[in-house]
């Protein structure tokens, strides 16, 4: 989950509030791309994970990353 901040104004007062938001992804390929592009994990680790789960599609992930 990621955190989002929002500002709420009530009765002339301003409040800062954090709310949790689920990360949206549609495929394992997109998830792996997200992890690499946001520098959450190293590319080599993510490729190993992706290859173990979805071996035939590793070329698609590489194409998206380049």
N, C-alpha and C. Protein backbone atom coordinates (compact mmCIF):
# COMPACT_ATOMS: atom_id res chain seq x y z
N UNK A 1 0.83 -1.17 0.00
CA UNK A 1 0.00 0.00 0.00
C UNK A 1 0.88 1.24 0.00
N UNK A 2 0.40 2.27 -0.62
CA UNK A 2 1.10 3.54 -0.60
C UNK A 2 0.27 4.54 0.19
N UNK A 3 0.90 5.61 0.60
CA UNK A 3 0.22 6.63 1.38
C UNK A 3 -0.01 7.85 0.50
N UNK A 4 -1.18 8.46 0.63
CA UNK A 4 -1.48 9.70 -0.06
C UNK A 4 -1.86 10.73 0.99
N UNK A 5 -1.39 11.95 0.81
CA UNK A 5 -1.78 13.02 1.72
C UNK A 5 -2.87 13.84 1.06
N UNK A 6 -3.78 14.32 1.87
CA UNK A 6 -4.79 15.22 1.35
C UNK A 6 -5.05 16.30 2.38
N UNK A 7 -5.47 17.43 1.90
CA UNK A 7 -5.77 18.57 2.77
C UNK A 7 -7.27 18.70 2.87
N UNK A 8 -7.75 18.82 4.09
CA UNK A 8 -9.18 18.96 4.34
C UNK A 8 -9.41 20.29 5.04
N UNK A 9 -10.39 21.03 4.58
CA UNK A 9 -10.70 22.31 5.19
C UNK A 9 -12.09 22.22 5.82
N UNK A 10 -12.15 22.41 7.13
CA UNK A 10 -13.42 22.37 7.85
C UNK A 10 -13.52 23.57 8.78
N UNK A 11 -14.61 24.29 8.66
CA UNK A 11 -14.89 25.44 9.54
C UNK A 11 -13.69 26.38 9.64
N UNK A 12 -13.08 26.66 8.48
CA UNK A 12 -11.97 27.59 8.43
C UNK A 12 -10.63 27.03 8.88
N UNK A 13 -10.59 25.78 9.32
CA UNK A 13 -9.35 25.15 9.75
C UNK A 13 -8.88 24.18 8.67
N UNK A 14 -7.57 24.05 8.54
CA UNK A 14 -6.99 23.16 7.54
C UNK A 14 -6.35 21.98 8.25
N UNK A 15 -6.69 20.78 7.81
CA UNK A 15 -6.16 19.55 8.38
C UNK A 15 -5.42 18.78 7.29
N UNK A 16 -4.28 18.19 7.66
CA UNK A 16 -3.56 17.30 6.76
C UNK A 16 -3.90 15.87 7.18
N UNK A 17 -4.20 15.04 6.22
CA UNK A 17 -4.60 13.67 6.53
C UNK A 17 -3.92 12.72 5.55
N UNK A 18 -3.45 11.59 6.05
CA UNK A 18 -2.89 10.56 5.19
C UNK A 18 -3.90 9.45 5.02
N UNK A 19 -4.02 8.98 3.80
CA UNK A 19 -4.91 7.84 3.56
C UNK A 19 -4.14 6.78 2.79
N UNK A 20 -4.43 5.55 3.06
CA UNK A 20 -3.77 4.45 2.37
C UNK A 20 -4.48 4.19 1.05
N UNK A 21 -3.70 3.84 0.05
CA UNK A 21 -4.27 3.53 -1.25
C UNK A 21 -3.59 2.28 -1.79
N UNK A 22 -4.37 1.39 -2.34
CA UNK A 22 -3.81 0.20 -2.95
C UNK A 22 -3.16 0.57 -4.27
N UNK A 23 -2.03 -0.04 -4.55
CA UNK A 23 -1.37 0.16 -5.83
C UNK A 23 -2.18 -0.61 -6.88
N UNK A 24 -2.45 0.04 -7.98
CA UNK A 24 -3.21 -0.62 -9.03
C UNK A 24 -2.26 -1.23 -10.05
N UNK A 25 -2.49 -2.47 -10.38
CA UNK A 25 -1.74 -3.11 -11.45
C UNK A 25 -2.66 -4.12 -12.13
N UNK A 26 -2.35 -4.41 -13.37
CA UNK A 26 -3.23 -5.32 -14.10
C UNK A 26 -2.57 -6.65 -14.44
N UNK A 27 -1.24 -6.71 -14.44
CA UNK A 27 -0.57 -7.96 -14.76
C UNK A 27 0.70 -8.10 -13.93
N UNK A 28 1.23 -9.29 -13.89
CA UNK A 28 2.51 -9.52 -13.21
C UNK A 28 3.61 -8.73 -13.91
N UNK A 29 3.52 -8.65 -15.23
CA UNK A 29 4.51 -7.88 -16.00
C UNK A 29 4.51 -6.41 -15.56
N UNK A 30 3.32 -5.83 -15.44
CA UNK A 30 3.21 -4.43 -15.01
C UNK A 30 3.74 -4.27 -13.58
N UNK A 31 3.39 -5.21 -12.72
CA UNK A 31 3.86 -5.14 -11.33
C UNK A 31 5.39 -5.13 -11.29
N UNK A 32 6.01 -6.02 -12.03
CA UNK A 32 7.48 -6.08 -12.06
C UNK A 32 8.06 -4.79 -12.63
N UNK A 33 7.44 -4.25 -13.67
CA UNK A 33 7.89 -2.98 -14.24
C UNK A 33 7.79 -1.87 -13.19
N UNK A 34 6.69 -1.83 -12.46
CA UNK A 34 6.48 -0.84 -11.41
C UNK A 34 7.58 -0.93 -10.34
N UNK A 35 7.87 -2.14 -9.90
CA UNK A 35 8.88 -2.36 -8.86
C UNK A 35 10.25 -1.88 -9.33
N UNK A 36 10.60 -2.16 -10.56
CA UNK A 36 11.90 -1.73 -11.09
C UNK A 36 11.92 -0.22 -11.31
N UNK A 37 10.89 0.33 -11.93
CA UNK A 37 10.88 1.75 -12.26
C UNK A 37 10.84 2.65 -11.02
N UNK A 38 10.28 2.15 -9.93
CA UNK A 38 10.23 2.93 -8.68
C UNK A 38 11.37 2.55 -7.73
N UNK A 39 12.32 1.79 -8.25
CA UNK A 39 13.53 1.39 -7.53
C UNK A 39 13.22 0.75 -6.17
N UNK A 40 12.22 -0.12 -6.17
CA UNK A 40 11.84 -0.86 -4.96
C UNK A 40 12.76 -2.07 -4.80
N UNK A 41 13.13 -2.66 -5.91
CA UNK A 41 14.06 -3.81 -5.91
C UNK A 41 14.94 -3.72 -7.14
N UNK A 42 16.06 -4.42 -7.08
CA UNK A 42 16.98 -4.42 -8.22
C UNK A 42 16.39 -5.17 -9.40
N UNK A 43 16.78 -4.72 -10.58
CA UNK A 43 16.28 -5.32 -11.81
C UNK A 43 16.55 -6.82 -11.87
N UNK A 44 17.76 -7.23 -11.49
CA UNK A 44 18.12 -8.65 -11.57
C UNK A 44 17.23 -9.50 -10.66
N UNK A 45 16.92 -9.01 -9.47
CA UNK A 45 16.05 -9.76 -8.55
C UNK A 45 14.64 -9.89 -9.11
N UNK A 46 14.14 -8.81 -9.68
CA UNK A 46 12.78 -8.82 -10.24
C UNK A 46 12.70 -9.74 -11.45
N UNK A 47 13.74 -9.72 -12.30
CA UNK A 47 13.77 -10.61 -13.46
C UNK A 47 13.76 -12.08 -13.02
N UNK A 48 14.53 -12.40 -11.98
CA UNK A 48 14.54 -13.79 -11.47
C UNK A 48 13.15 -14.19 -10.99
N UNK A 49 12.50 -13.32 -10.25
CA UNK A 49 11.15 -13.57 -9.76
C UNK A 49 10.19 -13.78 -10.93
N UNK A 50 10.22 -12.87 -11.89
CA UNK A 50 9.31 -12.94 -13.04
C UNK A 50 9.57 -14.21 -13.84
N UNK A 51 10.85 -14.53 -14.04
CA UNK A 51 11.21 -15.72 -14.83
C UNK A 51 10.73 -17.00 -14.15
N UNK A 52 10.79 -17.03 -12.81
CA UNK A 52 10.34 -18.22 -12.07
C UNK A 52 8.83 -18.43 -12.20
N UNK A 53 8.09 -17.34 -12.28
CA UNK A 53 6.63 -17.45 -12.32
C UNK A 53 6.08 -17.47 -13.74
N UNK A 54 6.67 -16.66 -14.59
CA UNK A 54 6.13 -16.49 -15.94
C UNK A 54 7.25 -16.56 -16.98
N UNK A 55 7.96 -17.67 -17.01
CA UNK A 55 9.14 -17.84 -17.85
C UNK A 55 8.97 -17.46 -19.32
N UNK A 56 7.92 -17.90 -20.00
CA UNK A 56 7.82 -17.59 -21.43
C UNK A 56 7.67 -16.09 -21.73
N UNK A 57 7.27 -15.31 -20.76
CA UNK A 57 7.00 -13.90 -21.00
C UNK A 57 8.14 -12.98 -20.59
N UNK A 58 9.31 -13.51 -20.27
CA UNK A 58 10.43 -12.68 -19.84
C UNK A 58 10.83 -11.68 -20.92
N UNK A 59 10.70 -12.06 -22.18
CA UNK A 59 11.05 -11.14 -23.28
C UNK A 59 10.13 -9.93 -23.29
N UNK A 60 8.85 -10.13 -22.95
CA UNK A 60 7.91 -9.01 -22.88
C UNK A 60 8.31 -8.01 -21.80
N UNK A 61 8.74 -8.53 -20.66
CA UNK A 61 9.18 -7.65 -19.56
C UNK A 61 10.42 -6.88 -20.00
N UNK A 62 11.38 -7.56 -20.60
CA UNK A 62 12.60 -6.90 -21.07
C UNK A 62 12.27 -5.80 -22.09
N UNK A 63 11.34 -6.10 -22.98
CA UNK A 63 10.94 -5.11 -23.98
C UNK A 63 10.33 -3.87 -23.33
N UNK A 64 9.51 -4.07 -22.32
CA UNK A 64 8.89 -2.94 -21.62
C UNK A 64 9.94 -2.11 -20.87
N UNK A 65 10.95 -2.78 -20.36
CA UNK A 65 11.98 -2.07 -19.59
C UNK A 65 12.94 -1.29 -20.47
N UNK A 66 13.10 -1.68 -21.70
CA UNK A 66 14.04 -0.97 -22.60
C UNK A 66 13.38 0.07 -23.42
